[in-house]
């Protein structure tokens, strides 16, 4: 499965808050179906993500409040690509 999405980067409130992108509903539904077929701890889904020229391996985290999945954006990725909270980014996800 490969998806390219465009979404806003947001900062989780609190000390040392993480930056995330929330997956659109249709992509989240597909991820949910794959996680259900091969359960993993905490409903996480391993992915390879790419923003710009930066590619990394990470996990999508289930977000029951938003009924979606969250992609954490590492500090190293944000620095390399010049990303700050509020930016719209294009993300390629491979699962």
PDB file of N, CA and C in Angstrom:
ATOM      1  N   UNK A   1       0.840  -1.177   0.000  1.00  0.00           N
ATOM      2  CA  UNK A   1       0.000   0.000   0.000  1.00  0.00           C
ATOM      3  C   UNK A   1       0.881   1.234   0.000  1.00  0.00           C
ATOM      4  N   UNK A   2       0.655   2.139  -0.927  1.00  0.00           N
ATOM      5  CA  UNK A   2       1.339   3.432  -0.969  1.00  0.00           C
ATOM      6  C   UNK A   2       0.290   4.516  -1.131  1.00  0.00           C
ATOM      7  N   UNK A   3       0.392   5.549  -0.312  1.00  0.00           N
ATOM      8  CA  UNK A   3      -0.517   6.695  -0.393  1.00  0.00           C
ATOM      9  C   UNK A   3       0.304   7.972  -0.339  1.00  0.00           C
ATOM     10  N   UNK A   4      -0.127   8.969  -1.087  1.00  0.00           N
ATOM     11  CA  UNK A   4       0.432  10.308  -0.976  1.00  0.00           C
ATOM     12  C   UNK A   4      -0.691  11.205  -0.487  1.00  0.00           C
ATOM     13  N   UNK A   5      -0.422  11.878   0.628  1.00  0.00           N
ATOM     14  CA  UNK A   5      -1.427  12.745   1.227  1.00  0.00           C
ATOM     15  C   UNK A   5      -0.857  14.146   1.421  1.00  0.00           C
ATOM     16  N   UNK A   6      -1.734  15.102   1.570  1.00  0.00           N
ATOM     17  CA  UNK A   6      -1.348  16.463   1.941  1.00  0.00           C
ATOM     18  C   UNK A   6      -2.111  16.769   3.222  1.00  0.00           C
ATOM     19  N   UNK A   7      -1.365  17.199   4.245  1.00  0.00           N
ATOM     20  CA  UNK A   7      -1.989  17.469   5.541  1.00  0.00           C
ATOM     21  C   UNK A   7      -1.191  18.516   6.296  1.00  0.00           C
ATOM     22  N   UNK A   8      -1.836  19.092   7.311  1.00  0.00           N
ATOM     23  CA  UNK A   8      -1.194  20.109   8.142  1.00  0.00           C
ATOM     24  C   UNK A   8      -0.434  19.458   9.288  1.00  0.00           C
ATOM     25  N   UNK A   9       0.769  19.936   9.536  1.00  0.00           N
ATOM     26  CA  UNK A   9       1.568  19.492  10.677  1.00  0.00           C
ATOM     27  C   UNK A   9       1.061  20.232  11.907  1.00  0.00           C
ATOM     28  N   UNK A  10       0.811  19.479  12.982  1.00  0.00           N
ATOM     29  CA  UNK A  10       0.348  20.118  14.216  1.00  0.00           C
ATOM     30  C   UNK A  10       1.195  19.642  15.381  1.00  0.00           C
ATOM     31  N   UNK A  11       1.237  20.461  16.409  1.00  0.00           N
ATOM     32  CA  UNK A  11       2.052  20.210  17.591  1.00  0.00           C
ATOM     33  C   UNK A  11       1.151  19.775  18.733  1.00  0.00           C
ATOM     34  N   UNK A  12       1.463  18.597  19.297  1.00  0.00           N
ATOM     35  CA  UNK A  12       0.716  18.127  20.462  1.00  0.00           C
ATOM     36  C   UNK A  12       1.050  19.036  21.640  1.00  0.00           C
ATOM     37  N   UNK A  13       0.036  19.505  22.376  1.00  0.00           N
ATOM     38  CA  UNK A  13       0.315  20.418  23.484  1.00  0.00           C
ATOM     39  C   UNK A  13       1.098  19.743  24.604  1.00  0.00           C
ATOM     40  N   UNK A  14       1.815  20.526  25.345  1.00  0.00           N
ATOM     41  CA  UNK A  14       2.565  20.016  26.486  1.00  0.00           C
ATOM     42  C   UNK A  14       4.054  20.203  26.282  1.00  0.00           C
ATOM     43  N   UNK A  15       4.801  19.918  27.353  1.00  0.00           N
ATOM     44  CA  UNK A  15       6.253  20.043  27.288  1.00  0.00           C
ATOM     45  C   UNK A  15       6.818  19.054  26.277  1.00  0.00           C
ATOM     46  N   UNK A  16       7.776  19.521  25.495  1.00  0.00           N
ATOM     47  CA  UNK A  16       8.431  18.681  24.485  1.00  0.00           C
ATOM     48  C   UNK A  16       7.405  17.977  23.605  1.00  0.00           C
ATOM     49  N   UNK A  17       6.351  18.711  23.204  1.00  0.00           N
ATOM     50  CA  UNK A  17       5.283  18.142  22.384  1.00  0.00           C
ATOM     51  C   UNK A  17       5.799  17.618  21.056  1.00  0.00           C
ATOM     52  N   UNK A  18       5.196  16.541  20.597  1.00  0.00           N
ATOM     53  CA  UNK A  18       5.539  15.937  19.313  1.00  0.00           C
ATOM     54  C   UNK A  18       4.760  16.615  18.197  1.00  0.00           C
ATOM     55  N   UNK A  19       5.323  16.591  16.996  1.00  0.00           N
ATOM     56  CA  UNK A  19       4.656  17.090  15.805  1.00  0.00           C
ATOM     57  C   UNK A  19       4.045  15.896  15.074  1.00  0.00           C
ATOM     58  N   UNK A  20       2.817  16.081  14.583  1.00  0.00           N
ATOM     59  CA  UNK A  20       2.089  15.000  13.916  1.00  0.00           C
ATOM     60  C   UNK A  20       1.401  15.498  12.657  1.00  0.00           C
ATOM     61  N   UNK A  21       1.031  14.528  11.821  1.00  0.00           N
ATOM     62  CA  UNK A  21       0.103  14.716  10.717  1.00  0.00           C
ATOM     63  C   UNK A  21      -1.015  13.701  10.948  1.00  0.00           C
ATOM     64  N   UNK A  22      -2.267  14.127  10.805  1.00  0.00           N
ATOM     65  CA  UNK A  22      -3.413  13.232  10.936  1.00  0.00           C
ATOM     66  C   UNK A  22      -3.777  12.722   9.549  1.00  0.00           C
ATOM     67  N   UNK A  23      -3.910  11.409   9.427  1.00  0.00           N
ATOM     68  CA  UNK A  23      -4.252  10.818   8.134  1.00  0.00           C
ATOM     69  C   UNK A  23      -5.699  11.121   7.762  1.00  0.00           C
ATOM     70  N   UNK A  24      -5.979  11.326   6.469  1.00  0.00           N
ATOM     71  CA  UNK A  24      -7.364  11.521   6.028  1.00  0.00           C
ATOM     72  C   UNK A  24      -8.169  10.234   6.267  1.00  0.00           C
ATOM     73  N   UNK A  25      -9.467  10.392   6.344  1.00  0.00           N
ATOM     74  CA  UNK A  25     -10.366   9.294   6.692  1.00  0.00           C
ATOM     75  C   UNK A  25     -10.199   8.063   5.806  1.00  0.00           C
ATOM     76  N   UNK A  26     -10.111   8.246   4.483  1.00  0.00           N
ATOM     77  CA  UNK A  26     -10.027   7.087   3.592  1.00  0.00           C
ATOM     78  C   UNK A  26      -8.732   6.300   3.797  1.00  0.00           C
ATOM     79  N   UNK A  27      -7.628   6.990   4.029  1.00  0.00           N
ATOM     80  CA  UNK A  27      -6.352   6.314   4.271  1.00  0.00           C
ATOM     81  C   UNK A  27      -6.389   5.640   5.641  1.00  0.00           C
ATOM     82  N   UNK A  28      -6.948   6.325   6.641  1.00  0.00           N
ATOM     83  CA  UNK A  28      -7.062   5.742   7.989  1.00  0.00           C
ATOM     84  C   UNK A  28      -7.892   4.462   7.952  1.00  0.00           C
ATOM     85  N   UNK A  29      -8.960   4.448   7.156  1.00  0.00           N
ATOM     86  CA  UNK A  29      -9.792   3.242   7.050  1.00  0.00           C
ATOM     87  C   UNK A  29      -8.992   2.066   6.503  1.00  0.00           C
ATOM     88  N   UNK A  30      -8.157   2.328   5.506  1.00  0.00           N
ATOM     89  CA  UNK A  30      -7.335   1.260   4.924  1.00  0.00           C
ATOM     90  C   UNK A  30      -6.288   0.770   5.925  1.00  0.00           C
ATOM     91  N   UNK A  31      -5.664   1.685   6.643  1.00  0.00           N
ATOM     92  CA  UNK A  31      -4.684   1.308   7.666  1.00  0.00           C
ATOM     93  C   UNK A  31      -5.369   0.481   8.748  1.00  0.00           C
ATOM     94  N   UNK A  32      -6.551   0.911   9.175  1.00  0.00           N
ATOM     95  CA  UNK A  32      -7.309   0.196  10.209  1.00  0.00           C
ATOM     96  C   UNK A  32      -7.588  -1.243   9.770  1.00  0.00           C
ATOM     97  N   UNK A  33      -7.961  -1.424   8.524  1.00  0.00           N
ATOM     98  CA  UNK A  33      -8.238  -2.768   8.014  1.00  0.00           C
ATOM     99  C   UNK A  33      -6.978  -3.628   8.018  1.00  0.00           C
ATOM    100  N   UNK A  34      -5.844  -3.054   7.668  1.00  0.00           N
ATOM    101  CA  UNK A  34      -4.584  -3.807   7.681  1.00  0.00           C
ATOM    102  C   UNK A  34      -4.156  -4.159   9.103  1.00  0.00           C
ATOM    103  N   UNK A  35      -4.351  -3.235  10.038  1.00  0.00           N
ATOM    104  CA  UNK A  35      -4.000  -3.503  11.433  1.00  0.00           C
ATOM    105  C   UNK A  35      -4.897  -4.601  11.991  1.00  0.00           C
ATOM    106  N   UNK A  36      -6.172  -4.590  11.643  1.00  0.00           N
ATOM    107  CA  UNK A  36      -7.102  -5.613  12.115  1.00  0.00           C
ATOM    108  C   UNK A  36      -6.714  -6.994  11.584  1.00  0.00           C
ATOM    109  N   UNK A  37      -6.179  -7.044  10.361  1.00  0.00           N
ATOM    110  CA  UNK A  37      -5.781  -8.315   9.754  1.00  0.00           C
ATOM    111  C   UNK A  37      -4.505  -8.872  10.374  1.00  0.00           C
ATOM    112  N   UNK A  38      -3.659  -7.997  10.892  1.00  0.00           N
ATOM    113  CA  UNK A  38      -2.395  -8.403  11.524  1.00  0.00           C
ATOM    114  C   UNK A  38      -2.183  -7.536  12.757  1.00  0.00           C
ATOM    115  N   UNK A  39      -2.873  -7.864  13.855  1.00  0.00           N
ATOM    116  CA  UNK A  39      -2.825  -7.015  15.051  1.00  0.00           C
ATOM    117  C   UNK A  39      -1.403  -6.743  15.539  1.00  0.00           C
ATOM    118  N   UNK A  40      -1.216  -5.528  16.068  1.00  0.00           N
ATOM    119  CA  UNK A  40       0.075  -5.125  16.617  1.00  0.00           C
ATOM    120  C   UNK A  40      -0.166  -4.399  17.941  1.00  0.00           C
ATOM    121  N   UNK A  41       0.875  -4.258  18.748  1.00  0.00           N
ATOM    122  CA  UNK A  41       0.704  -3.582  20.036  1.00  0.00           C
ATOM    123  C   UNK A  41       0.147  -2.173  19.868  1.00  0.00           C
ATOM    124  N   UNK A  42      -0.830  -1.837  20.668  1.00  0.00           N
ATOM    125  CA  UNK A  42      -1.417  -0.495  20.715  1.00  0.00           C
ATOM    126  C   UNK A  42      -2.012  -0.051  19.382  1.00  0.00           C
ATOM    127  N   UNK A  43      -2.279  -0.977  18.466  1.00  0.00           N
ATOM    128  CA  UNK A  43      -2.870  -0.623  17.186  1.00  0.00           C
ATOM    129  C   UNK A  43      -1.950   0.146  16.266  1.00  0.00           C
ATOM    130  N   UNK A  44      -0.632   0.003  16.483  1.00  0.00           N
ATOM    131  CA  UNK A  44       0.346   0.718  15.658  1.00  0.00           C
ATOM    132  C   UNK A  44       0.495   0.023  14.299  1.00  0.00           C
ATOM    133  N   UNK A  45       0.905   0.775  13.315  1.00  0.00           N
ATOM    134  CA  UNK A  45       1.158   0.238  11.977  1.00  0.00           C
ATOM    135  C   UNK A  45       2.517   0.746  11.507  1.00  0.00           C
ATOM    136  N   UNK A  46       3.434  -0.158  11.220  1.00  0.00           N
ATOM    137  CA  UNK A  46       4.761   0.218  10.728  1.00  0.00           C
ATOM    138  C   UNK A  46       4.641   0.749   9.300  1.00  0.00           C
ATOM    139  N   UNK A  47       5.334   1.869   9.030  1.00  0.00           N
ATOM    140  CA  UNK A  47       5.329   2.476   7.700  1.00  0.00           C
ATOM    141  C   UNK A  47       6.698   3.035   7.372  1.00  0.00           C
ATOM    142  N   UNK A  48       6.900   3.272   6.096  1.00  0.00           N
ATOM    143  CA  UNK A  48       8.022   4.085   5.632  1.00  0.00           C
ATOM    144  C   UNK A  48       7.386   5.369   5.129  1.00  0.00           C
ATOM    145  N   UNK A  49       7.893   6.501   5.604  1.00  0.00           N
ATOM    146  CA  UNK A  49       7.337   7.797   5.232  1.00  0.00           C
ATOM    147  C   UNK A  49       8.392   8.615   4.493  1.00  0.00           C
ATOM    148  N   UNK A  50       7.904   9.523   3.645  1.00  0.00           N
ATOM    149  CA  UNK A  50       8.803  10.437   2.946  1.00  0.00           C
ATOM    150  C   UNK A  50       8.146  11.798   2.867  1.00  0.00           C
ATOM    151  N   UNK A  51       8.919  12.815   3.239  1.00  0.00           N
ATOM    152  CA  UNK A  51       8.548  14.207   3.009  1.00  0.00           C
ATOM    153  C   UNK A  51       9.733  14.829   2.293  1.00  0.00           C
ATOM    154  N   UNK A  52       9.477  15.385   1.125  1.00  0.00           N
ATOM    155  CA  UNK A  52      10.571  15.962   0.342  1.00  0.00           C
ATOM    156  C   UNK A  52      11.594  14.885   0.021  1.00  0.00           C
ATOM    157  N   UNK A  53      12.858  15.150   0.340  1.00  0.00           N
ATOM    158  CA  UNK A  53      13.935  14.194   0.063  1.00  0.00           C
ATOM    159  C   UNK A  53      14.231  13.295   1.264  1.00  0.00           C
ATOM    160  N   UNK A  54      13.477  13.460   2.348  1.00  0.00           N
ATOM    161  CA  UNK A  54      13.764  12.715   3.579  1.00  0.00           C
ATOM    162  C   UNK A  54      12.818  11.543   3.735  1.00  0.00           C
ATOM    163  N   UNK A  55      13.404  10.359   3.893  1.00  0.00           N
ATOM    164  CA  UNK A  55      12.642   9.124   4.060  1.00  0.00           C
ATOM    165  C   UNK A  55      13.028   8.521   5.408  1.00  0.00           C
ATOM    166  N   UNK A  56      12.043   7.998   6.141  1.00  0.00           N
ATOM    167  CA  UNK A  56      12.321   7.362   7.432  1.00  0.00           C
ATOM    168  C   UNK A  56      11.294   6.278   7.732  1.00  0.00           C
ATOM    169  N   UNK A  57      11.667   5.365   8.630  1.00  0.00           N
ATOM    170  CA  UNK A  57      10.765   4.318   9.114  1.00  0.00           C
ATOM    171  C   UNK A  57      10.192   4.755  10.443  1.00  0.00           C
ATOM    172  N   UNK A  58       8.899   4.512  10.623  1.00  0.00           N
ATOM    173  CA  UNK A  58       8.218   4.913  11.846  1.00  0.00           C
ATOM    174  C   UNK A  58       6.958   4.084  12.000  1.00  0.00           C
ATOM    175  N   UNK A  59       6.126   4.453  12.944  1.00  0.00           N
ATOM    176  CA  UNK A  59       4.833   3.801  13.149  1.00  0.00           C
ATOM    177  C   UNK A  59       3.734   4.835  13.145  1.00  0.00           C
ATOM    178  N   UNK A  60       2.588   4.446  12.609  1.00  0.00           N
ATOM    179  CA  UNK A  60       1.379   5.255  12.725  1.00  0.00           C
ATOM    180  C   UNK A  60       0.719   4.857  14.033  1.00  0.00           C
ATOM    181  N   UNK A  61       0.180   5.817  14.749  1.00  0.00           N
ATOM    182  CA  UNK A  61      -0.464   5.563  16.028  1.00  0.00           C
ATOM    183  C   UNK A  61      -1.959   5.797  15.907  1.00  0.00           C
ATOM    184  N   UNK A  62      -2.739   4.851  16.420  1.00  0.00           N
ATOM    185  CA  UNK A  62      -4.187   5.003  16.413  1.00  0.00           C
ATOM    186  C   UNK A  62      -4.573   6.189  17.292  1.00  0.00           C
ATOM    187  N   UNK A  63      -5.496   6.993  16.808  1.00  0.00           N
ATOM    188  CA  UNK A  63      -6.000   8.138  17.562  1.00  0.00           C
ATOM    189  C   UNK A  63      -7.518   7.994  17.639  1.00  0.00           C
ATOM    190  N   UNK A  64      -7.997   7.435  18.723  1.00  0.00           N
ATOM    191  CA  UNK A  64      -9.432   7.177  18.861  1.00  0.00           C
ATOM    192  C   UNK A  64     -10.234   8.473  18.937  1.00  0.00           C
ATOM    193  N   UNK A  65      -9.645   9.532  19.472  1.00  0.00           N
ATOM    194  CA  UNK A  65     -10.358  10.802  19.574  1.00  0.00           C
ATOM    195  C   UNK A  65     -10.685  11.370  18.194  1.00  0.00           C
ATOM    196  N   UNK A  66      -9.767  11.199  17.252  1.00  0.00           N
ATOM    197  CA  UNK A  66      -9.979  11.713  15.893  1.00  0.00           C
ATOM    198  C   UNK A  66     -10.462  10.620  14.934  1.00  0.00           C
ATOM    199  N   UNK A  67     -10.569   9.389  15.433  1.00  0.00           N
ATOM    200  CA  UNK A  67     -10.965   8.239  14.604  1.00  0.00           C
ATOM    201  C   UNK A  67     -10.052   8.132  13.384  1.00  0.00           C
ATOM    202  N   UNK A  68      -8.763   8.275  13.628  1.00  0.00           N
ATOM    203  CA  UNK A  68      -7.790   8.240  12.544  1.00  0.00           C
ATOM    204  C   UNK A  68      -6.481   7.649  13.054  1.00  0.00           C
ATOM    205  N   UNK A  69      -5.417   7.882  12.300  1.00  0.00           N
ATOM    206  CA  UNK A  69      -4.064   7.512  12.685  1.00  0.00           C
ATOM    207  C   UNK A  69      -3.190   8.742  12.588  1.00  0.00           C
ATOM    208  N   UNK A  70      -2.161   8.784  13.433  1.00  0.00           N
ATOM    209  CA  UNK A  70      -1.233   9.901  13.460  1.00  0.00           C
ATOM    210  C   UNK A  70       0.139   9.464  12.991  1.00  0.00           C
ATOM    211  N   UNK A  71       0.760  10.300  12.169  1.00  0.00           N
ATOM    212  CA  UNK A  71       2.136  10.104  11.738  1.00  0.00           C
ATOM    213  C   UNK A  71       3.006  11.083  12.501  1.00  0.00           C
ATOM    214  N   UNK A  72       3.911  10.585  13.371  1.00  0.00           N
ATOM    215  CA  UNK A  72       4.822  11.498  14.058  1.00  0.00           C
ATOM    216  C   UNK A  72       5.907  11.984  13.087  1.00  0.00           C
ATOM    217  N   UNK A  73       6.221  13.269  13.156  1.00  0.00           N
ATOM    218  CA  UNK A  73       7.255  13.856  12.303  1.00  0.00           C
ATOM    219  C   UNK A  73       8.466  14.136  13.198  1.00  0.00           C
ATOM    220  N   UNK A  74       9.520  13.352  13.051  1.00  0.00           N
ATOM    221  CA  UNK A  74      10.726  13.482  13.870  1.00  0.00           C
ATOM    222  C   UNK A  74      11.370  14.853  13.708  1.00  0.00           C
ATOM    223  N   UNK A  75      12.047  15.295  14.765  1.00  0.00           N
ATOM    224  CA  UNK A  75      12.757  16.567  14.723  1.00  0.00           C
ATOM    225  C   UNK A  75      13.765  16.635  13.595  1.00  0.00           C
ATOM    226  N   UNK A  76      14.484  15.547  13.360  1.00  0.00           N
ATOM    227  CA  UNK A  76      15.477  15.512  12.286  1.00  0.00           C
ATOM    228  C   UNK A  76      14.824  15.749  10.925  1.00  0.00           C
ATOM    229  N   UNK A  77      13.654  15.153  10.711  1.00  0.00           N
ATOM    230  CA  UNK A  77      12.930  15.333   9.449  1.00  0.00           C
ATOM    231  C   UNK A  77      12.482  16.792   9.318  1.00  0.00           C
ATOM    232  N   UNK A  78      11.945  17.346  10.397  1.00  0.00           N
ATOM    233  CA  UNK A  78      11.487  18.743  10.361  1.00  0.00           C
ATOM    234  C   UNK A  78      12.642  19.690  10.056  1.00  0.00           C
ATOM    235  N   UNK A  79      13.798  19.452  10.680  1.00  0.00           N
ATOM    236  CA  UNK A  79      14.966  20.319  10.418  1.00  0.00           C
ATOM    237  C   UNK A  79      15.422  20.194   8.967  1.00  0.00           C
ATOM    238  N   UNK A  80      15.561  18.975   8.474  1.00  0.00           N
ATOM    239  CA  UNK A  80      16.024  18.773   7.090  1.00  0.00           C
ATOM    240  C   UNK A  80      15.110  19.419   6.064  1.00  0.00           C
ATOM    241  N   UNK A  81      13.802  19.341   6.330  1.00  0.00           N
ATOM    242  CA  UNK A  81      12.826  19.825   5.352  1.00  0.00           C
ATOM    243  C   UNK A  81      12.278  21.212   5.677  1.00  0.00           C
ATOM    244  N   UNK A  82      12.743  21.817   6.767  1.00  0.00           N
ATOM    245  CA  UNK A  82      12.295  23.161   7.134  1.00  0.00           C
ATOM    246  C   UNK A  82      10.820  23.226   7.503  1.00  0.00           C
ATOM    247  N   UNK A  83      10.343  22.244   8.237  1.00  0.00           N
ATOM    248  CA  UNK A  83       8.920  22.134   8.584  1.00  0.00           C
ATOM    249  C   UNK A  83       8.675  22.659   9.991  1.00  0.00           C
ATOM    250  N   UNK A  84       7.593  23.426  10.135  1.00  0.00           N
ATOM    251  CA  UNK A  84       7.132  23.880  11.452  1.00  0.00           C
ATOM    252  C   UNK A  84       5.633  23.600  11.564  1.00  0.00           C
ATOM    253  N   UNK A  85       5.140  23.615  12.793  1.00  0.00           N
ATOM    254  CA  UNK A  85       3.707  23.412  13.017  1.00  0.00           C
ATOM    255  C   UNK A  85       2.921  24.425  12.190  1.00  0.00           C
ATOM    256  N   UNK A  86       1.851  23.941  11.572  1.00  0.00           N
ATOM    257  CA  UNK A  86       1.018  24.793  10.721  1.00  0.00           C
ATOM    258  C   UNK A  86       1.320  24.654   9.248  1.00  0.00           C
ATOM    259  N   UNK A  87       2.477  24.078   8.902  1.00  0.00           N
ATOM    260  CA  UNK A  87       2.812  23.868   7.495  1.00  0.00           C
ATOM    261  C   UNK A  87       1.961  22.748   6.903  1.00  0.00           C
ATOM    262  N   UNK A  88       1.572  22.913   5.640  1.00  0.00           N
ATOM    263  CA  UNK A  88       0.960  21.828   4.873  1.00  0.00           C
ATOM    264  C   UNK A  88       2.106  21.081   4.209  1.00  0.00           C
ATOM    265  N   UNK A  89       2.123  19.766   4.368  1.00  0.00           N
ATOM    266  CA  UNK A  89       3.186  18.957   3.776  1.00  0.00           C
ATOM    267  C   UNK A  89       2.580  17.836   2.938  1.00  0.00           C
ATOM    268  N   UNK A  90       3.344  17.436   1.933  1.00  0.00           N
ATOM    269  CA  UNK A  90       2.978  16.257   1.151  1.00  0.00           C
ATOM    270  C   UNK A  90       3.787  15.085   1.708  1.00  0.00           C
ATOM    271  N   UNK A  91       3.082  14.024   2.071  1.00  0.00           N
ATOM    272  CA  UNK A  91       3.692  12.866   2.691  1.00  0.00           C
ATOM    273  C   UNK A  91       3.393  11.632   1.852  1.00  0.00           C
ATOM    274  N   UNK A  92       4.434  10.861   1.570  1.00  0.00           N
ATOM    275  CA  UNK A  92       4.246   9.556   0.945  1.00  0.00           C
ATOM    276  C   UNK A  92       4.369   8.504   2.032  1.00  0.00           C
ATOM    277  N   UNK A  93       3.392   7.609   2.111  1.00  0.00           N
ATOM    278  CA  UNK A  93       3.387   6.527   3.098  1.00  0.00           C
ATOM    279  C   UNK A  93       3.404   5.196   2.392  1.00  0.00           C
ATOM    280  N   UNK A  94       4.297   4.320   2.814  1.00  0.00           N
ATOM    281  CA  UNK A  94       4.333   2.943   2.299  1.00  0.00           C
ATOM    282  C   UNK A  94       4.185   2.008   3.480  1.00  0.00           C
ATOM    283  N   UNK A  95       3.257   1.083   3.345  1.00  0.00           N
ATOM    284  CA  UNK A  95       2.993   0.151   4.441  1.00  0.00           C
ATOM    285  C   UNK A  95       3.219  -1.265   3.967  1.00  0.00           C
TER     286      UNK A  95
END
